[in-house]
Amino acid sequence: MVVDTIRCWVIGGLICTLVGGANILLTLRPESLSIQAPVVQLVVYPLGTAWARYMPRWEWTMFGRRCKLNDGHFTIKGIHEKKRRIKQITNEN
């Protein structure tokens, strides 16, 4: 199962940017808060399923590799690998 997909990189980059910015703003409070990884995972799953449902299934070739905009279902079976990859992108441990 391929987990290094455009969907993974776009959602991971978007969530990394938003959560990182929110965490910076939340640390400026007198009682600092932070958004933890389980909350991020709860947000990522609906984004992944919405991507699978609404994005078109376009394909193209780039540097000899086939790229797909929508690589199919965002399933529970594959979500563990995708979450691991999204965590790697966002540098969560």
N, C-alpha and C. Protein backbone atom coordinates (compact mmCIF):
# COMPACT_ATOMS: atom_id res chain seq x y z
N MET A 1 0.84 -1.17 0.00
CA MET A 1 0.00 0.00 0.00
C MET A 1 0.89 1.24 0.00
N VAL A 2 0.67 2.10 -0.95
CA VAL A 2 1.47 3.31 -1.08
C VAL A 2 0.93 4.36 -0.11
N VAL A 3 1.80 4.89 0.74
CA VAL A 3 1.36 5.92 1.68
C VAL A 3 2.02 7.26 1.41
N ASP A 4 3.02 7.28 0.55
CA ASP A 4 3.70 8.53 0.21
C ASP A 4 2.99 9.14 -1.00
N THR A 5 1.83 9.74 -0.74
CA THR A 5 0.97 10.23 -1.80
C THR A 5 0.81 11.74 -1.72
N ILE A 6 0.23 12.29 -2.77
CA ILE A 6 -0.04 13.73 -2.79
C ILE A 6 -1.01 14.08 -1.67
N ARG A 7 -2.01 13.23 -1.44
CA ARG A 7 -2.96 13.48 -0.37
C ARG A 7 -2.26 13.56 0.98
N CYS A 8 -1.34 12.65 1.23
CA CYS A 8 -0.61 12.64 2.49
C CYS A 8 0.23 13.90 2.66
N TRP A 9 0.92 14.31 1.60
CA TRP A 9 1.78 15.49 1.69
C TRP A 9 0.97 16.77 1.83
N VAL A 10 -0.14 16.88 1.12
CA VAL A 10 -0.95 18.10 1.21
C VAL A 10 -1.60 18.21 2.59
N ILE A 11 -2.23 17.13 3.05
CA ILE A 11 -2.88 17.16 4.36
C ILE A 11 -1.83 17.33 5.46
N GLY A 12 -0.72 16.63 5.35
CA GLY A 12 0.35 16.76 6.35
C GLY A 12 0.92 18.16 6.40
N GLY A 13 1.17 18.75 5.24
CA GLY A 13 1.70 20.11 5.21
C GLY A 13 0.72 21.14 5.73
N LEU A 14 -0.55 20.97 5.36
CA LEU A 14 -1.59 21.88 5.84
C LEU A 14 -1.76 21.79 7.35
N ILE A 15 -1.86 20.58 7.86
CA ILE A 15 -2.03 20.39 9.31
C ILE A 15 -0.78 20.85 10.06
N CYS A 16 0.39 20.57 9.52
CA CYS A 16 1.64 21.01 10.16
C CYS A 16 1.67 22.53 10.29
N THR A 17 1.30 23.22 9.23
CA THR A 17 1.29 24.68 9.24
C THR A 17 0.26 25.23 10.23
N LEU A 18 -0.97 24.71 10.16
CA LEU A 18 -2.03 25.21 11.02
C LEU A 18 -1.78 24.90 12.50
N VAL A 19 -1.40 23.67 12.80
CA VAL A 19 -1.18 23.29 14.20
C VAL A 19 0.07 23.97 14.75
N GLY A 20 1.10 24.09 13.93
CA GLY A 20 2.30 24.80 14.38
C GLY A 20 2.01 26.25 14.70
N GLY A 21 1.26 26.92 13.82
CA GLY A 21 0.89 28.32 14.07
C GLY A 21 -0.01 28.45 15.28
N ALA A 22 -0.97 27.55 15.43
CA ALA A 22 -1.86 27.60 16.59
C ALA A 22 -1.10 27.35 17.88
N ASN A 23 -0.16 26.41 17.86
CA ASN A 23 0.65 26.14 19.06
C ASN A 23 1.51 27.34 19.43
N ILE A 24 2.05 28.04 18.45
CA ILE A 24 2.83 29.24 18.75
C ILE A 24 1.95 30.29 19.40
N LEU A 25 0.76 30.50 18.83
CA LEU A 25 -0.15 31.49 19.40
C LEU A 25 -0.64 31.08 20.80
N LEU A 26 -0.87 29.79 21.00
CA LEU A 26 -1.37 29.33 22.29
C LEU A 26 -0.31 29.39 23.38
N THR A 27 0.97 29.36 23.02
CA THR A 27 2.02 29.46 24.04
C THR A 27 2.18 30.89 24.55
N LEU A 28 1.59 31.86 23.87
CA LEU A 28 1.67 33.25 24.31
C LEU A 28 0.69 33.55 25.44
N ARG A 29 -0.19 32.65 25.73
CA ARG A 29 -1.16 32.83 26.81
C ARG A 29 -0.46 32.66 28.16
N PRO A 30 -1.02 33.26 29.21
CA PRO A 30 -0.43 33.05 30.55
C PRO A 30 -0.42 31.57 30.96
N GLU A 31 -1.51 30.86 30.66
CA GLU A 31 -1.54 29.41 30.88
C GLU A 31 -1.44 28.76 29.51
N SER A 32 -0.24 28.38 29.12
CA SER A 32 -0.04 27.92 27.74
C SER A 32 -0.72 26.57 27.49
N LEU A 33 -1.22 26.43 26.30
CA LEU A 33 -1.85 25.21 25.82
C LEU A 33 -1.10 24.73 24.60
N SER A 34 -1.32 23.48 24.23
CA SER A 34 -0.77 22.98 22.98
C SER A 34 -1.71 21.93 22.41
N ILE A 35 -1.69 21.80 21.10
CA ILE A 35 -2.51 20.82 20.42
C ILE A 35 -1.68 19.54 20.28
N GLN A 36 -2.17 18.46 20.85
CA GLN A 36 -1.43 17.21 20.89
C GLN A 36 -1.74 16.34 19.67
N ALA A 37 -0.93 15.31 19.47
CA ALA A 37 -1.05 14.42 18.31
C ALA A 37 -2.40 13.71 18.20
N PRO A 38 -3.02 13.24 19.29
CA PRO A 38 -4.34 12.58 19.12
C PRO A 38 -5.40 13.52 18.56
N VAL A 39 -5.35 14.79 18.93
CA VAL A 39 -6.30 15.76 18.39
C VAL A 39 -6.05 15.95 16.90
N VAL A 40 -4.78 16.01 16.52
CA VAL A 40 -4.42 16.16 15.11
C VAL A 40 -4.92 14.95 14.31
N GLN A 41 -4.78 13.76 14.87
CA GLN A 41 -5.23 12.56 14.18
C GLN A 41 -6.75 12.54 14.03
N LEU A 42 -7.46 13.06 15.00
CA LEU A 42 -8.92 13.15 14.89
C LEU A 42 -9.35 14.12 13.81
N VAL A 43 -8.55 15.13 13.54
CA VAL A 43 -8.85 16.10 12.49
C VAL A 43 -8.44 15.55 11.12
N VAL A 44 -7.35 14.81 11.06
CA VAL A 44 -6.81 14.32 9.79
C VAL A 44 -7.74 13.29 9.15
N TYR A 45 -8.36 12.43 9.94
CA TYR A 45 -9.19 11.38 9.36
C TYR A 45 -10.36 11.93 8.54
N PRO A 46 -11.15 12.89 9.05
CA PRO A 46 -12.22 13.43 8.20
C PRO A 46 -11.69 14.18 6.98
N LEU A 47 -10.53 14.81 7.10
CA LEU A 47 -9.94 15.48 5.93
C LEU A 47 -9.56 14.45 4.86
N GLY A 48 -8.99 13.33 5.28
CA GLY A 48 -8.62 12.28 4.34
C GLY A 48 -9.81 11.65 3.66
N THR A 49 -10.88 11.40 4.42
CA THR A 49 -12.07 10.81 3.81
C THR A 49 -12.77 11.81 2.88
N ALA A 50 -12.76 13.09 3.23
CA ALA A 50 -13.34 14.11 2.35
C ALA A 50 -12.53 14.21 1.06
N TRP A 51 -11.20 14.14 1.17
CA TRP A 51 -10.35 14.17 -0.02
C TRP A 51 -10.68 12.99 -0.93
N ALA A 52 -10.82 11.81 -0.34
CA ALA A 52 -11.12 10.61 -1.13
C ALA A 52 -12.49 10.71 -1.81
N ARG A 53 -13.42 11.38 -1.18
CA ARG A 53 -14.77 11.47 -1.72
C ARG A 53 -14.90 12.55 -2.79
N TYR A 54 -14.29 13.72 -2.59
CA TYR A 54 -14.58 14.88 -3.43
C TYR A 54 -13.51 15.25 -4.45
N MET A 55 -12.28 14.81 -4.29
CA MET A 55 -11.24 15.17 -5.26
C MET A 55 -11.36 14.28 -6.49
N PRO A 56 -11.12 14.84 -7.68
CA PRO A 56 -11.20 14.03 -8.90
C PRO A 56 -10.05 13.02 -8.98
N ARG A 57 -10.25 11.98 -9.74
CA ARG A 57 -9.23 10.92 -9.89
C ARG A 57 -8.34 11.18 -11.10
N TRP A 58 -7.60 12.25 -11.04
CA TRP A 58 -6.68 12.60 -12.13
C TRP A 58 -5.38 11.85 -11.96
N GLU A 59 -4.77 11.50 -13.10
CA GLU A 59 -3.46 10.84 -13.11
C GLU A 59 -2.57 11.53 -14.13
N TRP A 60 -1.27 11.60 -13.86
CA TRP A 60 -0.30 12.14 -14.80
C TRP A 60 1.05 11.49 -14.51
N THR A 61 1.95 11.65 -15.45
CA THR A 61 3.30 11.09 -15.30
C THR A 61 4.29 12.23 -15.11
N MET A 62 5.12 12.10 -14.08
CA MET A 62 6.13 13.10 -13.78
C MET A 62 7.45 12.38 -13.49
N PHE A 63 8.47 12.68 -14.26
CA PHE A 63 9.78 12.07 -14.11
C PHE A 63 9.71 10.54 -14.15
N GLY A 64 8.84 10.02 -15.00
CA GLY A 64 8.72 8.58 -15.17
C GLY A 64 7.87 7.88 -14.12
N ARG A 65 7.30 8.61 -13.18
CA ARG A 65 6.44 8.01 -12.16
C ARG A 65 5.01 8.47 -12.36
N ARG A 66 4.08 7.55 -12.17
CA ARG A 66 2.66 7.91 -12.27
C ARG A 66 2.21 8.55 -10.96
N CYS A 67 1.59 9.70 -11.06
CA CYS A 67 1.07 10.41 -9.90
C CYS A 67 -0.44 10.44 -9.97
N LYS A 68 -1.08 10.27 -8.82
CA LYS A 68 -2.54 10.31 -8.75
C LYS A 68 -2.95 11.40 -7.76
N LEU A 69 -3.92 12.20 -8.14
CA LEU A 69 -4.43 13.21 -7.23
C LEU A 69 -5.27 12.56 -6.14
N ASN A 70 -6.04 11.56 -6.50
CA ASN A 70 -6.88 10.84 -5.55
C ASN A 70 -6.57 9.36 -5.70
N ASP A 71 -5.93 8.79 -4.70
CA ASP A 71 -5.50 7.39 -4.81
C ASP A 71 -6.47 6.40 -4.19
N GLY A 72 -7.72 6.80 -4.02
CA GLY A 72 -8.73 5.85 -3.55
C GLY A 72 -9.19 6.12 -2.14
N HIS A 73 -9.73 5.08 -1.51
CA HIS A 73 -10.33 5.21 -0.19
C HIS A 73 -9.29 5.52 0.87
N PHE A 74 -9.70 6.27 1.86
CA PHE A 74 -8.90 6.56 3.05
C PHE A 74 -9.41 5.62 4.13
N THR A 75 -8.89 4.39 4.15
CA THR A 75 -9.45 3.32 4.97
C THR A 75 -8.76 3.21 6.32
N ILE A 76 -9.42 2.50 7.21
CA ILE A 76 -8.84 2.24 8.54
C ILE A 76 -7.58 1.40 8.40
N LYS A 77 -7.59 0.46 7.47
CA LYS A 77 -6.42 -0.40 7.27
C LYS A 77 -5.20 0.42 6.88
N GLY A 78 -5.40 1.38 6.00
CA GLY A 78 -4.27 2.19 5.55
C GLY A 78 -4.02 3.42 6.38
N ILE A 79 -4.94 3.76 7.28
CA ILE A 79 -4.77 5.00 8.03
C ILE A 79 -3.60 4.93 9.00
N HIS A 80 -3.29 3.75 9.52
CA HIS A 80 -2.17 3.66 10.45
C HIS A 80 -0.86 4.02 9.76
N GLU A 81 -0.67 3.53 8.54
CA GLU A 81 0.53 3.89 7.79
C GLU A 81 0.49 5.35 7.39
N LYS A 82 -0.68 5.85 7.00
CA LYS A 82 -0.79 7.25 6.59
C LYS A 82 -0.58 8.17 7.78
N LYS A 83 -1.13 7.79 8.95
CA LYS A 83 -0.91 8.60 10.14
C LYS A 83 0.57 8.61 10.50
N ARG A 84 1.23 7.47 10.36
CA ARG A 84 2.66 7.42 10.64
C ARG A 84 3.42 8.35 9.71
N ARG A 85 3.04 8.36 8.44
CA ARG A 85 3.70 9.23 7.47
C ARG A 85 3.39 10.69 7.74
N ILE A 86 2.14 11.01 8.10
CA ILE A 86 1.78 12.39 8.43
C ILE A 86 2.53 12.83 9.69
N LYS A 87 2.68 11.92 10.67
CA LYS A 87 3.46 12.25 11.86
C LYS A 87 4.92 12.53 11.49
N GLN A 88 5.47 11.76 10.55
CA GLN A 88 6.85 12.00 10.13
C GLN A 88 6.96 13.37 9.48
N ILE A 89 5.98 13.74 8.69
CA ILE A 89 6.02 15.04 8.02
C ILE A 89 5.95 16.15 9.05
N THR A 90 5.10 15.98 10.06
CA THR A 90 4.92 17.04 11.06
C THR A 90 5.89 16.92 12.23
N ASN A 91 6.80 15.94 12.18
CA ASN A 91 7.82 15.73 13.21
C ASN A 91 7.25 15.46 14.58
N GLU A 92 6.11 14.78 14.64
CA GLU A 92 5.53 14.35 15.91
C GLU A 92 6.19 13.03 16.31
N ASN A 93 6.31 12.79 17.59
CA ASN A 93 6.85 11.51 18.09
C ASN A 93 5.79 10.72 18.78
